[in-house]
Amino acid sequence: MVIVCVIGLIFAIVMVILFFNAAPARSNIEVHQQSTEDAACLKCHLKGDEKSPTMPHLDLGNCNLCHGLSKEPPR
């Protein structure tokens, strides 16, 4: 039983790590560099348009937790 619990815990930890690494990084544009507030993200990504994609999940309350700023040079 202990072995099964250890394997389950390892599996859960790996799944959480993979979940947070699966989120795409925010592109390094001026708008993303200026604001880190969730309201600014939702203003563009809640409905989406030709420049900003629609958010494919519910609002989780902290965009920057999963979506870090890209390491590419600023545009």
N, C-alpha and C. Protein backbone atom coordinates (compact mmCIF):
# COMPACT_ATOMS: atom_id res chain seq x y z
N MET A 1 0.82 -1.19 0.00
CA MET A 1 0.00 0.00 0.00
C MET A 1 0.87 1.26 0.00
N VAL A 2 1.96 1.21 0.73
CA VAL A 2 2.86 2.37 0.79
C VAL A 2 3.46 2.64 -0.58
N ILE A 3 3.81 1.60 -1.30
CA ILE A 3 4.40 1.75 -2.64
C ILE A 3 3.39 2.41 -3.58
N VAL A 4 2.15 2.00 -3.52
CA VAL A 4 1.11 2.58 -4.36
C VAL A 4 0.92 4.07 -4.02
N CYS A 5 0.94 4.43 -2.75
CA CYS A 5 0.81 5.82 -2.33
C CYS A 5 1.99 6.66 -2.83
N VAL A 6 3.20 6.13 -2.74
CA VAL A 6 4.38 6.85 -3.21
C VAL A 6 4.30 7.06 -4.72
N ILE A 7 3.92 6.05 -5.45
CA ILE A 7 3.78 6.18 -6.90
C ILE A 7 2.69 7.20 -7.25
N GLY A 8 1.59 7.17 -6.53
CA GLY A 8 0.52 8.14 -6.76
C GLY A 8 0.96 9.56 -6.47
N LEU A 9 1.73 9.76 -5.41
CA LEU A 9 2.25 11.09 -5.08
C LEU A 9 3.22 11.59 -6.13
N ILE A 10 4.10 10.72 -6.59
CA ILE A 10 5.04 11.09 -7.65
C ILE A 10 4.27 11.47 -8.91
N PHE A 11 3.28 10.68 -9.27
CA PHE A 11 2.46 10.95 -10.44
C PHE A 11 1.76 12.30 -10.32
N ALA A 12 1.20 12.59 -9.15
CA ALA A 12 0.50 13.86 -8.93
C ALA A 12 1.45 15.04 -9.07
N ILE A 13 2.63 14.93 -8.51
CA ILE A 13 3.62 16.01 -8.60
C ILE A 13 4.02 16.24 -10.04
N VAL A 14 4.28 15.17 -10.78
CA VAL A 14 4.65 15.30 -12.19
C VAL A 14 3.53 15.94 -12.99
N MET A 15 2.30 15.58 -12.73
CA MET A 15 1.17 16.17 -13.46
C MET A 15 1.03 17.66 -13.18
N VAL A 16 1.24 18.09 -11.96
CA VAL A 16 1.17 19.52 -11.62
C VAL A 16 2.29 20.27 -12.34
N ILE A 17 3.50 19.73 -12.34
CA ILE A 17 4.62 20.37 -13.03
C ILE A 17 4.34 20.47 -14.53
N LEU A 18 3.84 19.42 -15.13
CA LEU A 18 3.53 19.44 -16.56
C LEU A 18 2.40 20.42 -16.87
N PHE A 19 1.43 20.53 -15.98
CA PHE A 19 0.31 21.46 -16.17
C PHE A 19 0.82 22.90 -16.24
N PHE A 20 1.69 23.30 -15.32
CA PHE A 20 2.19 24.67 -15.30
C PHE A 20 3.17 24.94 -16.44
N ASN A 21 3.86 23.93 -16.93
CA ASN A 21 4.78 24.13 -18.04
C ASN A 21 4.09 24.09 -19.40
N ALA A 22 2.84 23.69 -19.45
CA ALA A 22 2.13 23.57 -20.72
C ALA A 22 1.58 24.91 -21.20
N ALA A 23 1.43 25.87 -20.30
CA ALA A 23 0.87 27.17 -20.67
C ALA A 23 1.85 27.94 -21.55
N PRO A 24 1.37 28.53 -22.64
CA PRO A 24 2.27 29.30 -23.50
C PRO A 24 2.73 30.58 -22.82
N ALA A 25 3.94 30.99 -23.12
CA ALA A 25 4.48 32.23 -22.57
C ALA A 25 3.83 33.43 -23.26
N ARG A 26 3.74 34.54 -22.52
CA ARG A 26 3.22 35.78 -23.11
C ARG A 26 4.27 36.31 -24.07
N SER A 27 3.85 36.73 -25.25
CA SER A 27 4.80 37.30 -26.21
C SER A 27 5.38 38.58 -25.62
N ASN A 28 6.56 38.92 -26.06
CA ASN A 28 7.29 40.04 -25.48
C ASN A 28 6.94 41.35 -26.19
N ILE A 29 5.67 41.71 -26.17
CA ILE A 29 5.22 42.96 -26.78
C ILE A 29 5.04 44.01 -25.69
N GLU A 30 4.91 45.26 -26.09
CA GLU A 30 4.85 46.36 -25.14
C GLU A 30 3.70 46.23 -24.14
N VAL A 31 2.54 45.82 -24.60
CA VAL A 31 1.37 45.69 -23.72
C VAL A 31 1.64 44.66 -22.62
N HIS A 32 2.27 43.56 -22.95
CA HIS A 32 2.56 42.52 -21.96
C HIS A 32 3.65 42.96 -20.98
N GLN A 33 4.55 43.81 -21.42
CA GLN A 33 5.62 44.29 -20.54
C GLN A 33 5.11 45.33 -19.55
N GLN A 34 4.11 46.11 -19.94
CA GLN A 34 3.62 47.22 -19.11
C GLN A 34 2.79 46.74 -17.93
N SER A 35 1.90 45.80 -18.14
CA SER A 35 0.94 45.43 -17.11
C SER A 35 1.05 43.96 -16.74
N THR A 36 0.95 43.70 -15.45
CA THR A 36 0.92 42.31 -14.98
C THR A 36 -0.40 42.01 -14.27
N GLU A 37 -1.37 42.92 -14.39
CA GLU A 37 -2.66 42.71 -13.74
C GLU A 37 -3.55 41.82 -14.59
N ASP A 38 -4.34 41.01 -13.90
CA ASP A 38 -5.23 40.08 -14.60
C ASP A 38 -6.30 40.79 -15.42
N ALA A 39 -6.76 41.95 -14.95
CA ALA A 39 -7.80 42.69 -15.68
C ALA A 39 -7.30 43.11 -17.06
N ALA A 40 -6.02 43.44 -17.16
CA ALA A 40 -5.46 43.84 -18.46
C ALA A 40 -5.42 42.64 -19.40
N CYS A 41 -5.12 41.46 -18.88
CA CYS A 41 -5.12 40.25 -19.71
C CYS A 41 -6.53 39.94 -20.21
N LEU A 42 -7.48 40.02 -19.31
CA LEU A 42 -8.86 39.67 -19.66
C LEU A 42 -9.45 40.67 -20.64
N LYS A 43 -9.02 41.93 -20.58
CA LYS A 43 -9.54 42.95 -21.49
C LYS A 43 -9.33 42.53 -22.95
N CYS A 44 -8.17 41.94 -23.26
CA CYS A 44 -7.88 41.54 -24.63
C CYS A 44 -8.22 40.08 -24.92
N HIS A 45 -8.02 39.20 -23.96
CA HIS A 45 -8.09 37.77 -24.23
C HIS A 45 -9.39 37.08 -23.82
N LEU A 46 -10.30 37.81 -23.19
CA LEU A 46 -11.57 37.18 -22.81
C LEU A 46 -12.41 36.87 -24.04
N LYS A 47 -12.47 37.81 -24.99
CA LYS A 47 -13.22 37.58 -26.22
C LYS A 47 -12.30 37.33 -27.40
N GLY A 48 -11.11 37.92 -27.38
CA GLY A 48 -10.15 37.73 -28.47
C GLY A 48 -10.50 38.57 -29.69
N ASP A 49 -9.51 38.75 -30.55
CA ASP A 49 -9.70 39.42 -31.83
C ASP A 49 -8.62 38.91 -32.77
N GLU A 50 -8.37 39.63 -33.87
CA GLU A 50 -7.39 39.14 -34.84
C GLU A 50 -5.96 39.18 -34.30
N LYS A 51 -5.70 40.03 -33.29
CA LYS A 51 -4.35 40.13 -32.72
C LYS A 51 -4.17 39.28 -31.46
N SER A 52 -5.20 39.13 -30.67
CA SER A 52 -5.08 38.40 -29.41
C SER A 52 -6.01 37.20 -29.40
N PRO A 53 -5.47 36.02 -29.12
CA PRO A 53 -6.31 34.81 -29.12
C PRO A 53 -7.25 34.77 -27.92
N THR A 54 -8.36 34.08 -28.08
CA THR A 54 -9.32 33.90 -27.00
C THR A 54 -8.74 32.95 -25.96
N MET A 55 -8.94 33.28 -24.71
CA MET A 55 -8.48 32.46 -23.60
C MET A 55 -9.24 31.12 -23.63
N PRO A 56 -8.54 29.97 -23.76
CA PRO A 56 -9.22 28.69 -23.91
C PRO A 56 -9.56 28.00 -22.59
N HIS A 57 -9.59 28.77 -21.49
CA HIS A 57 -9.92 28.18 -20.19
C HIS A 57 -10.64 29.22 -19.34
N LEU A 58 -11.14 28.81 -18.22
CA LEU A 58 -11.80 29.73 -17.30
C LEU A 58 -10.77 30.67 -16.68
N ASP A 59 -11.23 31.80 -16.19
CA ASP A 59 -10.35 32.74 -15.49
C ASP A 59 -9.96 32.10 -14.16
N LEU A 60 -8.67 31.84 -13.98
CA LEU A 60 -8.19 31.19 -12.77
C LEU A 60 -7.70 32.18 -11.73
N GLY A 61 -7.74 33.48 -12.04
CA GLY A 61 -7.44 34.49 -11.06
C GLY A 61 -6.01 34.98 -11.01
N ASN A 62 -5.07 34.32 -11.66
CA ASN A 62 -3.68 34.79 -11.66
C ASN A 62 -3.02 34.33 -12.95
N CYS A 63 -3.07 35.17 -13.96
CA CYS A 63 -2.54 34.81 -15.29
C CYS A 63 -1.03 34.56 -15.25
N ASN A 64 -0.32 35.37 -14.47
CA ASN A 64 1.14 35.29 -14.45
C ASN A 64 1.66 34.04 -13.75
N LEU A 65 0.82 33.35 -13.03
CA LEU A 65 1.24 32.12 -12.38
C LEU A 65 1.64 31.08 -13.41
N CYS A 66 0.89 30.96 -14.48
CA CYS A 66 1.17 29.98 -15.53
C CYS A 66 1.85 30.59 -16.75
N HIS A 67 1.45 31.80 -17.10
CA HIS A 67 1.93 32.44 -18.33
C HIS A 67 3.02 33.47 -18.02
N GLY A 68 4.26 33.03 -18.07
CA GLY A 68 5.38 33.94 -17.86
C GLY A 68 5.69 34.72 -19.12
N LEU A 69 6.52 35.75 -18.98
CA LEU A 69 6.92 36.56 -20.13
C LEU A 69 7.94 35.79 -20.96
N SER A 70 7.79 35.82 -22.25
CA SER A 70 8.69 35.12 -23.16
C SER A 70 10.11 35.66 -23.04
N LYS A 71 11.10 34.84 -23.33
CA LYS A 71 12.49 35.24 -23.24
C LYS A 71 13.02 35.76 -24.57
N GLU A 72 12.16 35.84 -25.59
CA GLU A 72 12.59 36.38 -26.87
C GLU A 72 12.79 37.89 -26.74
N PRO A 73 13.60 38.49 -27.60
CA PRO A 73 13.84 39.94 -27.52
C PRO A 73 12.55 40.72 -27.77
N PRO A 74 12.38 41.89 -27.13
CA PRO A 74 11.16 42.69 -27.31
C PRO A 74 10.97 43.12 -28.76
N ARG A 75 9.69 43.23 -29.14
CA ARG A 75 9.34 43.70 -30.49
C ARG A 75 9.03 45.16 -30.46
